[in-house]
N, C-alpha and C. Protein backbone atom coordinates (compact mmCIF):
# COMPACT_ATOMS: atom_id res chain seq x y z
N MET A 1 3.47 -38.71 -217.24
CA MET A 1 2.94 -39.78 -216.44
C MET A 1 1.52 -39.42 -216.02
N ALA A 2 0.62 -40.36 -216.09
CA ALA A 2 -0.79 -40.12 -215.76
C ALA A 2 -1.00 -40.02 -214.25
N LYS A 3 -2.06 -39.33 -213.86
CA LYS A 3 -2.39 -39.20 -212.44
C LYS A 3 -2.69 -40.56 -211.82
N GLY A 4 -2.27 -40.74 -210.57
CA GLY A 4 -2.55 -41.97 -209.86
C GLY A 4 -1.58 -43.11 -210.13
N LYS A 5 -0.57 -42.86 -210.92
CA LYS A 5 0.41 -43.91 -211.22
C LYS A 5 1.36 -44.10 -210.06
N ASN A 6 1.73 -45.34 -209.83
CA ASN A 6 2.70 -45.66 -208.80
C ASN A 6 4.11 -45.45 -209.32
N VAL A 7 5.02 -45.16 -208.40
CA VAL A 7 6.43 -45.00 -208.73
C VAL A 7 7.18 -46.07 -207.93
N HIS A 8 7.94 -46.90 -208.63
CA HIS A 8 8.62 -48.01 -207.99
C HIS A 8 10.10 -47.70 -207.79
N VAL A 9 10.62 -48.14 -206.64
CA VAL A 9 12.06 -48.08 -206.36
C VAL A 9 12.52 -49.53 -206.47
N VAL A 10 13.28 -49.82 -207.54
CA VAL A 10 13.64 -51.20 -207.86
C VAL A 10 15.15 -51.38 -207.95
N PRO A 11 15.62 -52.59 -207.61
CA PRO A 11 17.06 -52.86 -207.73
C PRO A 11 17.48 -52.92 -209.19
N ASN A 12 18.70 -52.45 -209.45
CA ASN A 12 19.28 -52.49 -210.78
C ASN A 12 20.77 -52.79 -210.61
N GLY A 13 21.11 -54.07 -210.49
CA GLY A 13 22.49 -54.44 -210.19
C GLY A 13 22.81 -54.00 -208.78
N LYS A 14 23.87 -53.19 -208.63
CA LYS A 14 24.24 -52.67 -207.31
C LYS A 14 23.59 -51.33 -207.02
N ASN A 15 22.83 -50.82 -207.96
CA ASN A 15 22.17 -49.52 -207.81
C ASN A 15 20.66 -49.69 -207.67
N TRP A 16 19.96 -48.56 -207.52
CA TRP A 16 18.51 -48.54 -207.38
C TRP A 16 17.94 -47.55 -208.39
N GLN A 17 16.85 -47.93 -209.02
CA GLN A 17 16.20 -47.08 -210.01
C GLN A 17 14.85 -46.59 -209.52
N VAL A 18 14.48 -45.39 -209.98
CA VAL A 18 13.14 -44.86 -209.79
C VAL A 18 12.44 -45.09 -211.12
N LYS A 19 11.36 -45.87 -211.08
CA LYS A 19 10.70 -46.27 -212.32
C LYS A 19 9.19 -46.10 -212.19
N PRO A 20 8.60 -45.20 -212.98
CA PRO A 20 7.14 -45.06 -212.99
C PRO A 20 6.51 -46.36 -213.50
N GLU A 21 5.38 -46.71 -212.95
CA GLU A 21 4.68 -47.93 -213.34
C GLU A 21 4.38 -47.91 -214.84
N GLY A 22 4.84 -48.92 -215.54
CA GLY A 22 4.59 -49.02 -216.97
C GLY A 22 5.48 -48.13 -217.82
N GLY A 23 6.47 -47.49 -217.20
CA GLY A 23 7.33 -46.58 -217.94
C GLY A 23 8.80 -46.94 -217.84
N LYS A 24 9.61 -46.09 -218.39
CA LYS A 24 11.06 -46.27 -218.34
C LYS A 24 11.63 -45.63 -217.08
N PRO A 25 12.77 -46.13 -216.58
CA PRO A 25 13.40 -45.54 -215.39
C PRO A 25 13.70 -44.05 -215.61
N VAL A 26 13.49 -43.26 -214.55
CA VAL A 26 13.74 -41.82 -214.65
C VAL A 26 15.03 -41.40 -213.96
N SER A 27 15.53 -42.24 -213.02
CA SER A 27 16.80 -41.91 -212.37
C SER A 27 17.42 -43.16 -211.77
N ASN A 28 18.72 -43.07 -211.51
CA ASN A 28 19.50 -44.18 -210.97
C ASN A 28 20.26 -43.67 -209.75
N HIS A 29 20.28 -44.45 -208.65
CA HIS A 29 20.88 -44.00 -207.39
C HIS A 29 21.72 -45.11 -206.78
N LYS A 30 22.71 -44.72 -205.98
CA LYS A 30 23.58 -45.69 -205.33
C LYS A 30 22.91 -46.38 -204.15
N THR A 31 21.96 -45.71 -203.50
CA THR A 31 21.29 -46.30 -202.33
C THR A 31 19.78 -46.33 -202.53
N GLN A 32 19.15 -47.25 -201.83
CA GLN A 32 17.70 -47.36 -201.86
C GLN A 32 17.06 -46.11 -201.27
N GLY A 33 17.65 -45.58 -200.22
CA GLY A 33 17.12 -44.39 -199.58
C GLY A 33 17.12 -43.18 -200.49
N ALA A 34 18.19 -43.01 -201.25
CA ALA A 34 18.27 -41.89 -202.19
C ALA A 34 17.23 -42.03 -203.29
N ALA A 35 17.02 -43.26 -203.75
CA ALA A 35 16.01 -43.50 -204.78
C ALA A 35 14.61 -43.23 -204.24
N ALA A 36 14.34 -43.66 -203.02
CA ALA A 36 13.03 -43.42 -202.40
C ALA A 36 12.78 -41.93 -202.23
N LYS A 37 13.80 -41.20 -201.84
CA LYS A 37 13.68 -39.75 -201.67
C LYS A 37 13.38 -39.07 -203.01
N ALA A 38 13.99 -39.55 -204.08
CA ALA A 38 13.76 -38.99 -205.41
C ALA A 38 12.37 -39.36 -205.94
N ALA A 39 11.85 -40.51 -205.53
CA ALA A 39 10.54 -40.97 -206.01
C ALA A 39 9.39 -40.22 -205.35
N LYS A 40 9.58 -39.74 -204.14
CA LYS A 40 8.50 -39.11 -203.37
C LYS A 40 7.86 -37.92 -204.09
N PRO A 41 8.61 -36.93 -204.59
CA PRO A 41 7.94 -35.80 -205.24
C PRO A 41 7.21 -36.19 -206.52
N ILE A 42 7.68 -37.24 -207.21
CA ILE A 42 6.99 -37.71 -208.42
C ILE A 42 5.63 -38.29 -208.03
N ALA A 43 5.61 -39.11 -206.97
CA ALA A 43 4.35 -39.70 -206.51
C ALA A 43 3.40 -38.63 -205.98
N GLN A 44 3.93 -37.63 -205.28
CA GLN A 44 3.08 -36.55 -204.76
C GLN A 44 2.45 -35.77 -205.90
N LYS A 45 3.23 -35.47 -206.91
CA LYS A 45 2.73 -34.69 -208.05
C LYS A 45 1.63 -35.45 -208.79
N ASN A 46 1.78 -36.76 -208.88
CA ASN A 46 0.85 -37.57 -209.65
C ASN A 46 -0.18 -38.31 -208.79
N LYS A 47 -0.21 -37.99 -207.50
CA LYS A 47 -1.16 -38.58 -206.56
C LYS A 47 -1.16 -40.11 -206.63
N GLY A 48 0.04 -40.67 -206.55
CA GLY A 48 0.21 -42.11 -206.60
C GLY A 48 0.89 -42.61 -205.35
N GLU A 49 1.57 -43.75 -205.47
CA GLU A 49 2.28 -44.35 -204.35
C GLU A 49 3.74 -44.55 -204.71
N VAL A 50 4.59 -44.50 -203.70
CA VAL A 50 5.97 -44.93 -203.84
C VAL A 50 5.99 -46.38 -203.34
N VAL A 51 6.40 -47.29 -204.21
CA VAL A 51 6.47 -48.71 -203.87
C VAL A 51 7.94 -49.09 -203.84
N ILE A 52 8.43 -49.44 -202.64
CA ILE A 52 9.84 -49.77 -202.45
C ILE A 52 10.00 -51.28 -202.44
N HIS A 53 10.92 -51.76 -203.28
CA HIS A 53 11.16 -53.19 -203.42
C HIS A 53 12.43 -53.59 -202.66
N ARG A 54 12.51 -54.86 -202.31
CA ARG A 54 13.72 -55.44 -201.70
C ARG A 54 14.71 -55.78 -202.82
N PRO A 55 15.96 -56.07 -202.47
CA PRO A 55 16.93 -56.47 -203.51
C PRO A 55 16.48 -57.68 -204.33
N ASN A 56 15.64 -58.56 -203.76
CA ASN A 56 15.17 -59.72 -204.51
C ASN A 56 13.92 -59.40 -205.34
N GLY A 57 13.44 -58.16 -205.30
CA GLY A 57 12.30 -57.73 -206.11
C GLY A 57 10.98 -57.71 -205.38
N GLN A 58 10.89 -58.35 -204.20
CA GLN A 58 9.65 -58.33 -203.43
C GLN A 58 9.36 -56.92 -202.93
N ILE A 59 8.07 -56.62 -202.75
CA ILE A 59 7.69 -55.30 -202.22
C ILE A 59 8.00 -55.27 -200.72
N ARG A 60 8.72 -54.23 -200.31
CA ARG A 60 9.11 -54.06 -198.91
C ARG A 60 8.19 -53.10 -198.21
N ASP A 61 7.79 -52.02 -198.90
CA ASP A 61 7.03 -50.96 -198.27
C ASP A 61 6.37 -50.10 -199.35
N SER A 62 5.37 -49.32 -198.95
CA SER A 62 4.77 -48.36 -199.87
C SER A 62 4.21 -47.19 -199.06
N ASP A 63 4.22 -46.04 -199.70
CA ASP A 63 3.65 -44.82 -199.12
C ASP A 63 2.70 -44.21 -200.13
N SER A 64 1.49 -43.90 -199.71
CA SER A 64 0.48 -43.35 -200.61
C SER A 64 0.47 -41.82 -200.52
N TYR A 65 0.39 -41.20 -201.69
CA TYR A 65 0.29 -39.74 -201.76
C TYR A 65 -0.94 -39.34 -202.58
N GLY A 66 -1.87 -40.28 -202.75
CA GLY A 66 -3.08 -40.02 -203.52
C GLY A 66 -4.25 -39.74 -202.61
N SER A 67 -5.42 -39.82 -203.18
CA SER A 67 -6.64 -39.57 -202.41
C SER A 67 -7.24 -40.92 -202.02
N ASP A 68 -6.67 -41.56 -201.05
CA ASP A 68 -7.14 -42.85 -200.56
C ASP A 68 -8.42 -42.61 -199.76
N PRO A 69 -9.55 -43.25 -200.14
CA PRO A 69 -10.81 -42.99 -199.44
C PRO A 69 -10.84 -43.52 -198.01
N ASN A 70 -9.98 -44.47 -197.69
CA ASN A 70 -9.96 -45.04 -196.34
C ASN A 70 -8.50 -45.26 -195.90
N PRO A 71 -7.78 -44.17 -195.69
CA PRO A 71 -6.36 -44.33 -195.39
C PRO A 71 -6.10 -44.90 -193.99
N PRO A 72 -5.14 -45.79 -193.87
CA PRO A 72 -4.76 -46.29 -192.54
C PRO A 72 -3.94 -45.22 -191.82
N LYS A 73 -3.89 -45.32 -190.51
CA LYS A 73 -3.08 -44.39 -189.72
C LYS A 73 -1.61 -44.68 -190.03
N ASP A 74 -0.86 -43.67 -190.40
CA ASP A 74 0.55 -43.82 -190.73
C ASP A 74 1.35 -43.84 -189.44
N ARG A 75 1.94 -44.95 -189.11
CA ARG A 75 2.70 -45.08 -187.88
C ARG A 75 4.21 -44.93 -188.10
N LYS A 76 4.62 -44.77 -189.36
CA LYS A 76 6.05 -44.66 -189.67
C LYS A 76 6.54 -43.23 -189.61
N HIS A 77 5.70 -42.26 -190.00
CA HIS A 77 6.17 -40.87 -190.13
C HIS A 77 5.44 -39.98 -189.17
């Protein structure tokens, strides 16, 4: 996977997949939280973002692990 690529946590039936942007799924999980946890080290390694989707496919949240030139204050963590 190239540097700066986003990693998506997407619904897959009753499960959740970790899927690099433009690539094939790398893992399958029973919960969204487990998938997000698995996506984090991939995004950190590749200086990208974890993009978490809702069950209907809409983007719910994202966390950046890249070199954002103007990062907002993180109020979640």
